[in-house]
N, C-alpha and C. Protein backbone atom coordinates (compact mmCIF):
# COMPACT_ATOMS: atom_id res chain seq x y z
N UNK A 1 249.84 71.49 54.66
CA UNK A 1 250.27 71.60 56.06
C UNK A 1 251.40 72.61 56.16
N UNK A 2 252.34 72.59 55.26
CA UNK A 2 253.50 73.46 55.33
C UNK A 2 253.06 74.89 55.10
N UNK A 3 252.13 75.11 54.18
CA UNK A 3 251.62 76.45 53.91
C UNK A 3 250.96 77.08 55.10
N UNK A 4 250.27 76.28 55.93
CA UNK A 4 249.58 76.79 57.09
C UNK A 4 250.65 77.24 58.12
N UNK A 5 251.79 76.55 58.21
CA UNK A 5 252.82 76.93 59.14
C UNK A 5 253.48 78.29 58.71
N UNK A 6 253.61 78.46 57.40
CA UNK A 6 254.14 79.72 56.94
C UNK A 6 253.19 80.89 57.23
N UNK A 7 251.92 80.69 57.06
CA UNK A 7 250.95 81.72 57.34
C UNK A 7 250.94 82.03 58.81
N UNK A 8 250.96 81.05 59.66
CA UNK A 8 251.06 81.27 61.12
C UNK A 8 252.26 82.06 61.51
N UNK A 9 253.40 81.70 60.91
CA UNK A 9 254.62 82.37 61.14
C UNK A 9 254.57 83.89 60.74
N UNK A 10 254.00 84.15 59.59
CA UNK A 10 253.86 85.47 59.15
C UNK A 10 252.99 86.35 60.10
N UNK A 11 251.87 85.69 60.56
CA UNK A 11 250.97 86.37 61.43
C UNK A 11 251.69 86.69 62.71
N UNK A 12 252.48 85.80 63.25
CA UNK A 12 253.19 86.10 64.46
C UNK A 12 254.24 87.16 64.28
N UNK A 13 254.90 87.15 63.17
CA UNK A 13 255.94 88.20 62.93
C UNK A 13 255.29 89.57 62.73
N UNK A 14 254.18 89.69 62.00
CA UNK A 14 253.45 90.95 61.82
C UNK A 14 252.87 91.43 63.17
N UNK A 15 252.36 90.49 63.93
CA UNK A 15 251.80 90.86 65.27
C UNK A 15 252.91 91.41 66.18
N UNK A 16 254.05 90.81 66.20
CA UNK A 16 255.21 91.22 66.97
C UNK A 16 255.66 92.65 66.53
N UNK A 17 255.72 92.88 65.26
CA UNK A 17 256.13 94.17 64.72
C UNK A 17 255.12 95.22 65.15
N UNK A 18 253.83 94.92 65.02
CA UNK A 18 252.78 95.85 65.40
C UNK A 18 252.84 96.17 66.91
N UNK A 19 253.05 95.20 67.70
CA UNK A 19 253.19 95.47 69.22
C UNK A 19 254.37 96.29 69.50
N UNK A 20 255.47 96.05 68.82
CA UNK A 20 256.69 96.86 69.03
C UNK A 20 256.44 98.36 68.61
N UNK A 21 255.80 98.62 67.49
CA UNK A 21 255.47 99.93 67.05
C UNK A 21 254.56 100.63 68.07
N UNK A 22 253.52 99.93 68.48
CA UNK A 22 252.62 100.54 69.50
C UNK A 22 253.39 100.87 70.77
N UNK A 23 254.16 99.97 71.24
CA UNK A 23 254.99 100.29 72.45
C UNK A 23 255.93 101.44 72.23
N UNK A 24 256.64 101.51 71.08
CA UNK A 24 257.58 102.52 70.80
C UNK A 24 256.93 103.90 70.71
N UNK A 25 255.79 103.96 70.05
CA UNK A 25 255.16 105.27 69.80
C UNK A 25 254.33 105.74 70.99
N UNK A 26 253.71 104.82 71.69
CA UNK A 26 252.72 105.29 72.72
C UNK A 26 253.02 104.93 74.15
N UNK A 27 253.78 103.85 74.38
CA UNK A 27 253.97 103.41 75.75
C UNK A 27 255.43 103.62 76.24
N UNK A 28 256.35 103.81 75.32
CA UNK A 28 257.77 103.91 75.74
C UNK A 28 258.29 105.33 75.87
N UNK A 29 257.50 106.24 76.45
CA UNK A 29 257.94 107.56 76.54
C UNK A 29 258.27 107.96 77.97
N UNK A 30 259.38 107.44 78.44
CA UNK A 30 259.88 107.76 79.73
C UNK A 30 261.05 108.70 79.65
N UNK A 31 261.27 109.49 80.68
CA UNK A 31 262.38 110.43 80.71
C UNK A 31 263.24 110.22 81.92
N UNK A 32 264.48 110.66 81.92
CA UNK A 32 265.35 110.55 83.10
C UNK A 32 264.80 111.34 84.30
N UNK A 33 265.17 110.94 85.48
CA UNK A 33 264.80 111.64 86.71
C UNK A 33 265.18 113.10 86.63
N UNK A 34 264.27 114.02 87.04
CA UNK A 34 264.56 115.45 87.03
C UNK A 34 264.20 116.15 85.78
N UNK A 35 263.88 115.44 84.72
CA UNK A 35 263.52 116.09 83.40
C UNK A 35 261.97 116.14 83.44
N UNK A 36 261.44 117.22 82.78
CA UNK A 36 260.05 117.32 82.58
C UNK A 36 259.49 116.24 81.72
N UNK A 37 258.24 115.77 81.90
CA UNK A 37 257.74 114.73 81.10
C UNK A 37 257.57 115.19 79.62
N UNK A 38 257.60 114.18 78.74
CA UNK A 38 257.39 114.45 77.34
C UNK A 38 255.99 114.96 77.09
N UNK A 39 255.80 115.81 76.11
CA UNK A 39 254.49 116.40 75.81
C UNK A 39 254.27 116.23 74.31
N UNK A 40 253.06 115.76 73.97
CA UNK A 40 252.70 115.69 72.55
C UNK A 40 251.98 117.02 72.20
N UNK A 41 252.55 117.76 71.24
CA UNK A 41 252.00 119.01 70.86
C UNK A 41 250.71 118.86 70.10
N UNK A 42 249.67 119.62 70.56
CA UNK A 42 248.38 119.57 69.87
C UNK A 42 247.70 120.98 70.08
N UNK A 43 246.55 121.11 69.54
CA UNK A 43 245.83 122.43 69.64
C UNK A 43 245.56 122.83 71.06
N UNK A 44 245.26 121.84 71.93
CA UNK A 44 244.89 122.13 73.27
C UNK A 44 246.11 122.70 74.14
N UNK A 45 247.33 122.24 73.86
CA UNK A 45 248.43 122.81 74.67
C UNK A 45 249.41 123.64 73.91
N UNK A 46 249.09 124.11 72.71
CA UNK A 46 249.97 124.94 71.93
C UNK A 46 250.14 126.29 72.60
N UNK A 47 249.08 126.88 73.14
CA UNK A 47 249.17 128.21 73.76
C UNK A 47 250.09 128.16 75.00
N UNK A 48 250.04 127.03 75.71
CA UNK A 48 250.99 126.87 76.85
C UNK A 48 252.41 126.83 76.43
N UNK A 49 252.73 126.15 75.33
CA UNK A 49 254.04 126.10 74.77
C UNK A 49 254.51 127.49 74.37
N UNK A 50 253.63 128.23 73.66
CA UNK A 50 253.92 129.57 73.17
C UNK A 50 254.25 130.50 74.34
N UNK A 51 253.46 130.43 75.41
CA UNK A 51 253.67 131.27 76.60
C UNK A 51 255.01 130.93 77.27
N UNK A 52 255.27 129.65 77.48
CA UNK A 52 256.52 129.24 78.12
C UNK A 52 257.72 129.66 77.27
N UNK A 53 257.61 129.55 75.96
CA UNK A 53 258.68 129.96 75.07
C UNK A 53 258.95 131.44 75.14
N UNK A 54 257.89 132.24 75.11
CA UNK A 54 258.06 133.69 75.16
C UNK A 54 258.42 134.21 76.50
N UNK A 55 258.05 133.53 77.58
CA UNK A 55 258.45 134.03 78.92
C UNK A 55 259.97 133.79 79.21
N UNK A 56 260.65 132.94 78.50
CA UNK A 56 262.03 132.69 78.76
C UNK A 56 262.92 133.39 77.68
N UNK A 57 262.61 134.59 77.44
CA UNK A 57 263.34 135.35 76.36
C UNK A 57 264.80 135.60 76.71
N UNK A 58 265.15 135.55 78.00
CA UNK A 58 266.57 135.85 78.39
C UNK A 58 267.41 134.61 78.39
N UNK A 59 266.89 133.50 78.02
CA UNK A 59 267.74 132.26 77.97
C UNK A 59 267.69 131.66 76.57
N UNK A 60 268.57 130.68 76.37
CA UNK A 60 268.61 129.96 75.07
C UNK A 60 267.39 129.09 74.93
N UNK A 61 266.69 129.22 73.81
CA UNK A 61 265.48 128.46 73.56
C UNK A 61 265.63 127.68 72.29
N UNK A 62 265.36 126.44 72.33
CA UNK A 62 265.42 125.54 71.21
C UNK A 62 264.13 124.66 71.10
N UNK A 63 263.56 124.64 69.95
CA UNK A 63 262.42 123.77 69.71
C UNK A 63 262.85 122.82 68.61
N UNK A 64 262.73 121.54 68.88
CA UNK A 64 263.12 120.49 67.89
C UNK A 64 261.86 119.70 67.55
N UNK A 65 261.57 119.68 66.29
CA UNK A 65 260.42 118.91 65.79
C UNK A 65 260.95 117.69 64.97
N UNK A 66 260.67 116.52 65.39
CA UNK A 66 261.12 115.32 64.68
C UNK A 66 259.97 114.71 63.90
N UNK A 67 260.25 114.25 62.76
CA UNK A 67 259.24 113.61 61.94
C UNK A 67 259.72 112.22 61.55
N UNK A 68 258.80 111.22 61.57
CA UNK A 68 259.22 109.92 61.18
C UNK A 68 259.43 109.70 59.69
N UNK A 69 259.19 110.75 58.92
CA UNK A 69 259.38 110.60 57.47
C UNK A 69 260.68 111.20 57.03
């Protein structure tokens, strides 16, 4: 009986961690008012990023790439 409670507890903890990770990575991407929305860089929108970057040659440009590793 006690072993079953431990297993249920572990399943609940792992499920909660999984839900937190999904929320953090995919659902929690809000920005302050007035800021452009966040964009996930991929092959489909890379040319748009390149054009925007090159069109603003007279201003300071910074690209930051963050990796979870």
